[in-house]
C-alpha atoms as a PDB file:
ATOM      1  CA  MET A   1      48.153 123.732  57.744  1.00  0.00           C
ATOM      2  CA  GLU A   2      51.594 125.293  57.120  1.00  0.00           C
ATOM      3  CA  PRO A   3      51.864 126.976  60.590  1.00  0.00           C
ATOM      4  CA  MET A   4      50.923 123.696  62.184  1.00  0.00           C
ATOM      5  CA  LEU A   5      53.723 121.901  60.271  1.00  0.00           C
ATOM      6  CA  ARG A   6      56.255 124.485  61.495  1.00  0.00           C
ATOM      7  CA  VAL A   7      55.189 123.883  65.107  1.00  0.00           C
ATOM      8  CA  VAL A   8      55.508 120.126  64.717  1.00  0.00           C
ATOM      9  CA  LYS A   9      58.978 120.451  63.116  1.00  0.00           C
ATOM     10  CA  TRP A  10      60.257 122.807  65.828  1.00  0.00           C
ATOM     11  CA  SER A  11      58.815 120.540  68.517  1.00  0.00           C
ATOM     12  CA  GLY A  12      60.665 117.587  67.022  1.00  0.00           C
ATOM     13  CA  VAL A  13      63.929 119.523  66.943  1.00  0.00           C
ATOM     14  CA  CYS A  14      63.542 120.557  70.597  1.00  0.00           C
ATOM     15  CA  VAL A  15      62.841 117.001  71.720  1.00  0.00           C
ATOM     16  CA  ALA A  16      65.892 115.741  69.827  1.00  0.00           C
ATOM     17  CA  LEU A  17      68.112 118.382  71.426  1.00  0.00           C
ATOM     18  CA  VAL A  18      66.828 117.564  74.910  1.00  0.00           C
ATOM     19  CA  LEU A  19      67.458 113.848  74.383  1.00  0.00           C
ATOM     20  CA  LEU A  20      70.931 114.515  72.986  1.00  0.00           C
ATOM     21  CA  VAL A  21      71.959 116.718  75.878  1.00  0.00           C
ATOM     22  CA  GLY A  22      70.404 114.411  78.471  1.00  0.00           C
ATOM     23  CA  CYS A  23      72.205 111.339  77.149  1.00  0.00           C
ATOM     24  CA  GLN A  24      75.625 112.900  77.176  1.00  0.00           C
ATOM     25  CA  LYS A  25      77.858 111.775  80.060  1.00  0.00           C
ATOM     26  CA  PRO A  26      79.223 114.534  82.268  1.00  0.00           C
ATOM     27  CA  LYS A  27      82.876 115.212  81.622  1.00  0.00           C
ATOM     28  CA  PRO A  28      85.185 114.312  84.519  1.00  0.00           C
ATOM     29  CA  ASN A  29      86.559 117.240  86.427  1.00  0.00           C
ATOM     30  CA  PRO A  30      90.372 117.143  86.104  1.00  0.00           C
ATOM     31  CA  GLU A  31      90.617 119.212  89.285  1.00  0.00           C
ATOM     32  CA  ALA A  32      88.744 116.653  91.446  1.00  0.00           C
ATOM     33  CA  PRO A  33      91.084 114.454  93.581  1.00  0.00           C
ATOM     34  CA  ILE A  34      91.007 110.726  92.805  1.00  0.00           C
ATOM     35  CA  GLU A  35      90.303 108.732  95.965  1.00  0.00           C
ATOM     36  CA  PRO A  36      92.498 105.640  96.331  1.00  0.00           C
ATOM     37  CA  PRO A  37      90.860 102.210  96.702  1.00  0.00           C
ATOM     38  CA  CYS A  38      89.959 101.047 100.193  1.00  0.00           C
ATOM     39  CA  PRO A  39      92.798  98.914 101.632  1.00  0.00           C
ATOM     40  CA  ASP A  40      92.172  95.390 102.921  1.00  0.00           C
ATOM     41  CA  GLY A  41      90.799  95.238 106.445  1.00  0.00           C
ATOM     42  CA  ALA A  42      89.697  98.887 106.387  1.00  0.00           C
ATOM     43  CA  SER A  43      86.163  98.735 104.981  1.00  0.00           C
ATOM     44  CA  GLU A  44      84.703 100.135 108.214  1.00  0.00           C
ATOM     45  CA  LEU A  45      87.014 103.159 108.120  1.00  0.00           C
ATOM     46  CA  CYS A  46      86.319 103.814 104.453  1.00  0.00           C
ATOM     47  CA  ALA A  47      82.565 103.651 104.994  1.00  0.00           C
ATOM     48  CA  SER A  48      82.728 105.994 107.989  1.00  0.00           C
ATOM     49  CA  LYS A  49      84.092 108.934 105.958  1.00  0.00           C
ATOM     50  CA  VAL A  50      85.902 110.048 109.128  1.00  0.00           C
ATOM     51  CA  VAL A  51      89.440 109.049 108.132  1.00  0.00           C
ATOM     52  CA  ARG A  52      91.254 110.173 104.998  1.00  0.00           C
ATOM     53  CA  ARG A  53      91.591 107.105 102.817  1.00  0.00           C
ATOM     54  CA  GLU A  54      95.098 108.022 101.687  1.00  0.00           C
ATOM     55  CA  ARG A  55      96.186 107.956 105.354  1.00  0.00           C
ATOM     56  CA  ILE A  56      94.899 104.481 106.188  1.00  0.00           C
ATOM     57  CA  GLU A  57      98.121 102.695 105.218  1.00  0.00           C
ATOM     58  CA  GLN A  58     100.001 104.896 107.662  1.00  0.00           C
ATOM     59  CA  LEU A  59      97.601 103.863 110.436  1.00  0.00           C
ATOM     60  CA  VAL A  60      98.259 100.223 109.532  1.00  0.00           C
ATOM     61  CA  GLU A  61     102.003 100.799 109.752  1.00  0.00           C
ATOM     62  CA  ARG A  62     101.689 102.525 113.135  1.00  0.00           C
ATOM     63  CA  GLY A  63      99.573  99.678 114.480  1.00  0.00           C
ATOM     64  CA  LYS A  64     101.878  96.984 113.144  1.00  0.00           C
ATOM     65  CA  LYS A  65     104.990  98.553 114.685  1.00  0.00           C
ATOM     66  CA  ALA A  66     103.396  98.876 118.128  1.00  0.00           C
ATOM     67  CA  THR A  67     102.015  95.323 118.167  1.00  0.00           C
ATOM     68  CA  ASP A  68     105.323  93.964 116.821  1.00  0.00           C
ATOM     69  CA  GLN A  69     107.122  95.524 119.766  1.00  0.00           C
ATOM     70  CA  LEU A  70     104.673  94.070 122.283  1.00  0.00           C
ATOM     71  CA  LEU A  71     104.812  90.544 120.856  1.00  0.00           C
ATOM     72  CA  VAL A  72     108.607  90.525 120.572  1.00  0.00           C
ATOM     73  CA  THR A  73     108.928  91.727 124.175  1.00  0.00           C
ATOM     74  CA  LEU A  74     106.486  89.153 125.561  1.00  0.00           C
ATOM     75  CA  LYS A  75     107.979  86.238 123.620  1.00  0.00           C
ATOM     76  CA  ARG A  76     111.548  87.117 124.604  1.00  0.00           C
ATOM     77  CA  GLN A  77     110.617  87.266 128.280  1.00  0.00           C
ATOM     78  CA  LEU A  78     108.543  84.078 128.086  1.00  0.00           C
ATOM     79  CA  VAL A  79     111.354  82.080 126.457  1.00  0.00           C
ATOM     80  CA  ALA A  80     113.768  83.302 129.133  1.00  0.00           C
ATOM     81  CA  ALA A  81     111.326  82.296 131.884  1.00  0.00           C
ATOM     82  CA  ILE A  82     110.870  78.788 130.429  1.00  0.00           C
ATOM     83  CA  LYS A  83     114.640  78.272 130.204  1.00  0.00           C
ATOM     84  CA  SER A  84     115.307  79.452 133.747  1.00  0.00           C
ATOM     85  CA  ARG A  85     112.205  78.265 135.622  1.00  0.00           C
ATOM     86  CA  GLY A  86     110.476  75.619 133.486  1.00  0.00           C
ATOM     87  CA  THR A  87     106.864  75.571 132.313  1.00  0.00           C
ATOM     88  CA  ILE A  88     105.307  76.086 135.736  1.00  0.00           C
ATOM     89  CA  GLY A  89     107.686  78.964 136.399  1.00  0.00           C
ATOM     90  CA  ALA A  90     106.723  80.490 133.052  1.00  0.00           C
ATOM     91  CA  ILE A  91     103.023  80.309 133.984  1.00  0.00           C
ATOM     92  CA  GLU A  92     103.792  82.097 137.244  1.00  0.00           C
ATOM     93  CA  PHE A  93     105.866  84.667 135.363  1.00  0.00           C
ATOM     94  CA  CYS A  94     103.017  85.379 132.933  1.00  0.00           C
ATOM     95  CA  SER A  95     100.493  85.741 135.735  1.00  0.00           C
ATOM     96  CA  THR A  96     102.505  88.509 137.389  1.00  0.00           C
ATOM     97  CA  ASN A  97     104.362  90.134 134.485  1.00  0.00           C
ATOM     98  CA  ALA A  98     102.426  89.924 131.190  1.00  0.00           C
ATOM     99  CA  LEU A  99     100.154  92.889 131.902  1.00  0.00           C
ATOM    100  CA  THR A 100     103.037  94.868 133.412  1.00  0.00           C
ATOM    101  CA  LEU A 101     105.155  94.295 130.304  1.00  0.00           C
ATOM    102  CA  THR A 102     102.227  95.409 128.133  1.00  0.00           C
ATOM    103  CA  ARG A 103     101.949  98.663 130.080  1.00  0.00           C
ATOM    104  CA  THR A 104     105.724  99.172 129.871  1.00  0.00           C
ATOM    105  CA  VAL A 105     105.717  98.933 126.063  1.00  0.00           C
ATOM    106  CA  GLN A 106     102.649 101.173 125.928  1.00  0.00           C
ATOM    107  CA  THR A 107     104.165 103.868 128.159  1.00  0.00           C
ATOM    108  CA  ALA A 108     107.510 103.882 126.340  1.00  0.00           C
ATOM    109  CA  TRP A 109     105.950 104.233 122.887  1.00  0.00           C
ATOM    110  CA  SER A 110     106.530 107.379 120.845  1.00  0.00           C
ATOM    111  CA  GLU A 111     102.833 108.375 120.843  1.00  0.00           C
ATOM    112  CA  PRO A 112      99.874 107.806 123.195  1.00  0.00           C
ATOM    113  CA  ILE A 113      98.530 104.289 122.562  1.00  0.00           C
ATOM    114  CA  ALA A 114      96.572 101.596 124.385  1.00  0.00           C
ATOM    115  CA  LEU A 115      97.733  97.984 123.956  1.00  0.00           C
ATOM    116  CA  LYS A 116      95.859  94.830 124.851  1.00  0.00           C
ATOM    117  CA  ARG A 117      95.675  91.105 124.125  1.00  0.00           C
ATOM    118  CA  THR A 118      92.215  89.571 124.130  1.00  0.00           C
ATOM    119  CA  SER A 119      90.259  86.471 123.144  1.00  0.00           C
ATOM    120  CA  LEU A 120      86.853  84.854 123.369  1.00  0.00           C
ATOM    121  CA  ARG A 121      88.570  82.240 125.576  1.00  0.00           C
ATOM    122  CA  VAL A 122      90.709  84.171 128.019  1.00  0.00           C
ATOM    123  CA  ARG A 123      92.975  82.861 130.750  1.00  0.00           C
ATOM    124  CA  ASN A 124      93.241  86.122 132.668  1.00  0.00           C
ATOM    125  CA  PRO A 125      89.830  87.813 133.093  1.00  0.00           C
ATOM    126  CA  LYS A 126      91.556  91.201 132.835  1.00  0.00           C
ATOM    127  CA  ASN A 127      92.044  90.420 129.138  1.00  0.00           C
ATOM    128  CA  ALA A 128      88.329  89.868 128.497  1.00  0.00           C
ATOM    129  CA  PRO A 129      87.068  91.622 125.348  1.00  0.00           C
ATOM    130  CA  ASP A 130      84.846  94.674 125.374  1.00  0.00           C
ATOM    131  CA  ALA A 131      81.940  94.992 122.928  1.00  0.00           C
ATOM    132  CA  PHE A 132      84.108  96.457 120.140  1.00  0.00           C
ATOM    133  CA  GLU A 133      86.727  93.716 120.513  1.00  0.00           C
ATOM    134  CA  ARG A 134      84.139  90.960 120.656  1.00  0.00           C
ATOM    135  CA  THR A 135      82.748  92.104 117.312  1.00  0.00           C
ATOM    136  CA  VAL A 136      86.179  91.946 115.679  1.00  0.00           C
ATOM    137  CA  LEU A 137      87.030  88.571 117.243  1.00  0.00           C
ATOM    138  CA  ARG A 138      83.894  87.119 115.658  1.00  0.00           C
ATOM    139  CA  TRP A 139      84.764  88.786 112.344  1.00  0.00           C
ATOM    140  CA  PHE A 140      88.149  87.035 112.287  1.00  0.00           C
ATOM    141  CA  ILE A 141      86.510  83.689 113.038  1.00  0.00           C
ATOM    142  CA  GLU A 142      84.031  84.209 110.190  1.00  0.00           C
ATOM    143  CA  GLN A 143      86.809  85.215 107.801  1.00  0.00           C
ATOM    144  CA  LYS A 144      88.808  82.108 108.690  1.00  0.00           C
ATOM    145  CA  LYS A 145      85.791  79.911 107.951  1.00  0.00           C
ATOM    146  CA  ALA A 146      84.963  81.693 104.691  1.00  0.00           C
ATOM    147  CA  ARG A 147      88.484  82.152 103.298  1.00  0.00           C
ATOM    148  CA  GLY A 148      90.426  79.347 104.954  1.00  0.00           C
ATOM    149  CA  LYS A 149      92.950  81.805 106.393  1.00  0.00           C
ATOM    150  CA  LEU A 150      93.093  84.725 108.768  1.00  0.00           C
ATOM    151  CA  PRO A 151      93.326  88.307 107.488  1.00  0.00           C
ATOM    152  CA  SER A 152      96.537  90.084 108.498  1.00  0.00           C
ATOM    153  CA  HIS A 153      94.724  92.882 110.339  1.00  0.00           C
ATOM    154  CA  TYR A 154      91.536  94.862 110.845  1.00  0.00           C
ATOM    155  CA  LEU A 155      90.958  98.564 111.454  1.00  0.00           C
ATOM    156  CA  GLN A 156      87.998  99.703 113.538  1.00  0.00           C
ATOM    157  CA  LEU A 157      86.633 103.173 114.255  1.00  0.00           C
ATOM    158  CA  VAL A 158      85.758 103.706 117.930  1.00  0.00           C
ATOM    159  CA  THR A 159      83.541 106.593 118.940  1.00  0.00           C
ATOM    160  CA  GLY A 160      82.044 107.643 122.243  1.00  0.00           C
ATOM    161  CA  ALA A 161      82.818 110.156 124.945  1.00  0.00           C
ATOM    162  CA  LYS A 162      86.327 110.739 123.573  1.00  0.00           C
ATOM    163  CA  ALA A 163      87.365 111.951 120.142  1.00  0.00           C
ATOM    164  CA  PRO A 164      87.201 109.246 117.451  1.00  0.00           C
ATOM    165  CA  ARG A 165      90.032 106.718 117.660  1.00  0.00           C
ATOM    166  CA  VAL A 166      91.173 103.856 115.473  1.00  0.00           C
ATOM    167  CA  ARG A 167      91.901 100.356 116.729  1.00  0.00           C
ATOM    168  CA  TYR A 168      94.343  98.177 114.828  1.00  0.00           C
ATOM    169  CA  TYR A 169      93.892  94.435 115.405  1.00  0.00           C
ATOM    170  CA  ARG A 170      96.128  91.564 114.375  1.00  0.00           C
ATOM    171  CA  PRO A 171      95.436  87.871 114.932  1.00  0.00           C
ATOM    172  CA  LEU A 172      97.306  85.672 117.384  1.00  0.00           C
ATOM    173  CA  VAL A 173      97.911  82.124 116.177  1.00  0.00           C
ATOM    174  CA  VAL A 174      98.860  79.195 118.414  1.00  0.00           C
ATOM    175  CA  GLN A 175     102.543  78.353 118.001  1.00  0.00           C
ATOM    176  CA  ALA A 176     104.436  75.311 119.226  1.00  0.00           C
ATOM    177  CA  ILE A 177     105.735  77.198 122.268  1.00  0.00           C
ATOM    178  CA  CYS A 178     102.127  77.895 123.334  1.00  0.00           C
ATOM    179  CA  LEU A 179     100.972  74.271 123.463  1.00  0.00           C
ATOM    180  CA  SER A 180     102.616  73.347 126.767  1.00  0.00           C
ATOM    181  CA  CYS A 181     100.232  75.681 128.616  1.00  0.00           C
ATOM    182  CA  HIS A 182      97.389  76.161 126.109  1.00  0.00           C
ATOM    183  CA  GLY A 183      97.204  72.730 124.468  1.00  0.00           C
ATOM    184  CA  PRO A 184      94.958  69.798 125.433  1.00  0.00           C
ATOM    185  CA  ARG A 185      94.347  69.898 129.164  1.00  0.00           C
ATOM    186  CA  SER A 186      94.298  66.101 129.309  1.00  0.00           C
ATOM    187  CA  SER A 187      97.937  65.947 128.185  1.00  0.00           C
ATOM    188  CA  MET A 188      99.232  68.448 130.761  1.00  0.00           C
ATOM    189  CA  PRO A 189     101.142  67.141 133.796  1.00  0.00           C
ATOM    190  CA  ASP A 190      99.078  67.175 136.992  1.00  0.00           C
ATOM    191  CA  ALA A 191     101.353  69.744 138.650  1.00  0.00           C
ATOM    192  CA  LEU A 192     100.917  72.144 135.714  1.00  0.00           C
ATOM    193  CA  ARG A 193      97.140  71.723 135.616  1.00  0.00           C
ATOM    194  CA  LYS A 194      96.886  72.411 139.331  1.00  0.00           C
ATOM    195  CA  ARG A 195      99.087  75.493 139.137  1.00  0.00           C
ATOM    196  CA  ILE A 196      97.072  76.946 136.243  1.00  0.00           C
ATOM    197  CA  ALA A 197      93.844  76.261 138.146  1.00  0.00           C
ATOM    198  CA  ALA A 198      95.225  78.002 141.229  1.00  0.00           C
ATOM    199  CA  LEU A 199      96.374  81.078 139.310  1.00  0.00           C
ATOM    200  CA  TYR A 200      93.430  81.246 136.919  1.00  0.00           C
ATOM    201  CA  PRO A 201      90.273  79.639 138.396  1.00  0.00           C
ATOM    202  CA  ALA A 202      88.144  80.756 135.435  1.00  0.00           C
ATOM    203  CA  ASP A 203      90.643  79.681 132.766  1.00  0.00           C
ATOM    204  CA  ARG A 204      89.214  78.929 129.305  1.00  0.00           C
ATOM    205  CA  ALA A 205      92.419  79.155 127.258  1.00  0.00           C
ATOM    206  CA  PHE A 206      93.183  75.466 126.760  1.00  0.00           C
ATOM    207  CA  ASP A 207      92.557  72.613 124.280  1.00  0.00           C
ATOM    208  CA  TYR A 208      94.085  74.602 121.429  1.00  0.00           C
ATOM    209  CA  LYS A 209      95.901  72.986 118.522  1.00  0.00           C
ATOM    210  CA  LEU A 210      98.854  74.224 116.491  1.00  0.00           C
ATOM    211  CA  ASN A 211      97.899  77.152 114.213  1.00  0.00           C
ATOM    212  CA  ASP A 212      94.492  77.668 115.855  1.00  0.00           C
ATOM    213  CA  PHE A 213      93.184  81.220 116.089  1.00  0.00           C
ATOM    214  CA  ARG A 214      94.046  82.196 119.658  1.00  0.00           C
ATOM    215  CA  GLY A 215      92.802  85.784 119.822  1.00  0.00           C
ATOM    216  CA  LEU A 216      93.896  89.314 119.003  1.00  0.00           C
ATOM    217  CA  VAL A 217      96.447  91.893 119.958  1.00  0.00           C
ATOM    218  CA  ARG A 218      95.123  95.391 119.462  1.00  0.00           C
ATOM    219  CA  VAL A 219      96.433  98.911 119.711  1.00  0.00           C
ATOM    220  CA  GLU A 220      94.253 101.980 119.977  1.00  0.00           C
ATOM    221  CA  LEU A 221      95.581 104.988 118.059  1.00  0.00           C
ATOM    222  CA  SER A 222      94.573 108.620 118.235  1.00  0.00           C
ATOM    223  CA  LEU A 223      93.636 110.463 115.058  1.00  0.00           C
ATOM    224  CA  GLY A 224      95.529 113.624 114.216  1.00  0.00           C
ATOM    225  CA  GLU A 225      94.319 116.402 111.954  1.00  0.00           C
ATOM    226  CA  ALA A 226      96.233 114.828 109.059  1.00  0.00           C
ATOM    227  CA  GLU A 227      94.167 111.621 109.301  1.00  0.00           C
ATOM    228  CA  ARG A 228      90.718 113.207 109.638  1.00  0.00           C
ATOM    229  CA  ARG A 229      88.562 114.368 106.769  1.00  0.00           C
END
């Protein structure tokens, strides 16, 4: 019986050692880099594993600067057109100059970018959203319903025939200056309604209220080696 007792004792010791070792938590590797938390509006980029997380804030800053420049340029020119030519003159100015001004800002920028304003209810059909933009427009609408406010931006990874790119989107909100041409159609003067209809037969950008979500301005950015994983 004594040999059998030795076997049982040694078996018990082995099982205890296995359990002890198996229950121990692995020690963290001090050499392993700590990944920063995913910034707001960048969940898609973080999940993709294509972009370095520590570089995302720089992409946000690049996108914000480019869209700032576009919006400042458009608003300055629009205000000048209203003062010199009135509301109808401003509509005519926008129809012939808004896209040109967008291309001017885009071409003069310090890096290759692609700027665009878009909406689910466009006035100019050339601003109609593509599939990627439509997805983000709906995301902003859902966020507004769920949170009661619009997020400040969204970052989207775009892949396809070209190398991966990142699109930075920021929301456009209806301001007081917008209501003359984008407010309730029933309150517009007849001459203004007729001019809008003549310039934009398929217009859907009306009946907005102050602070409504109007659409998006987006800039497409290239990814350098520093941004990629």
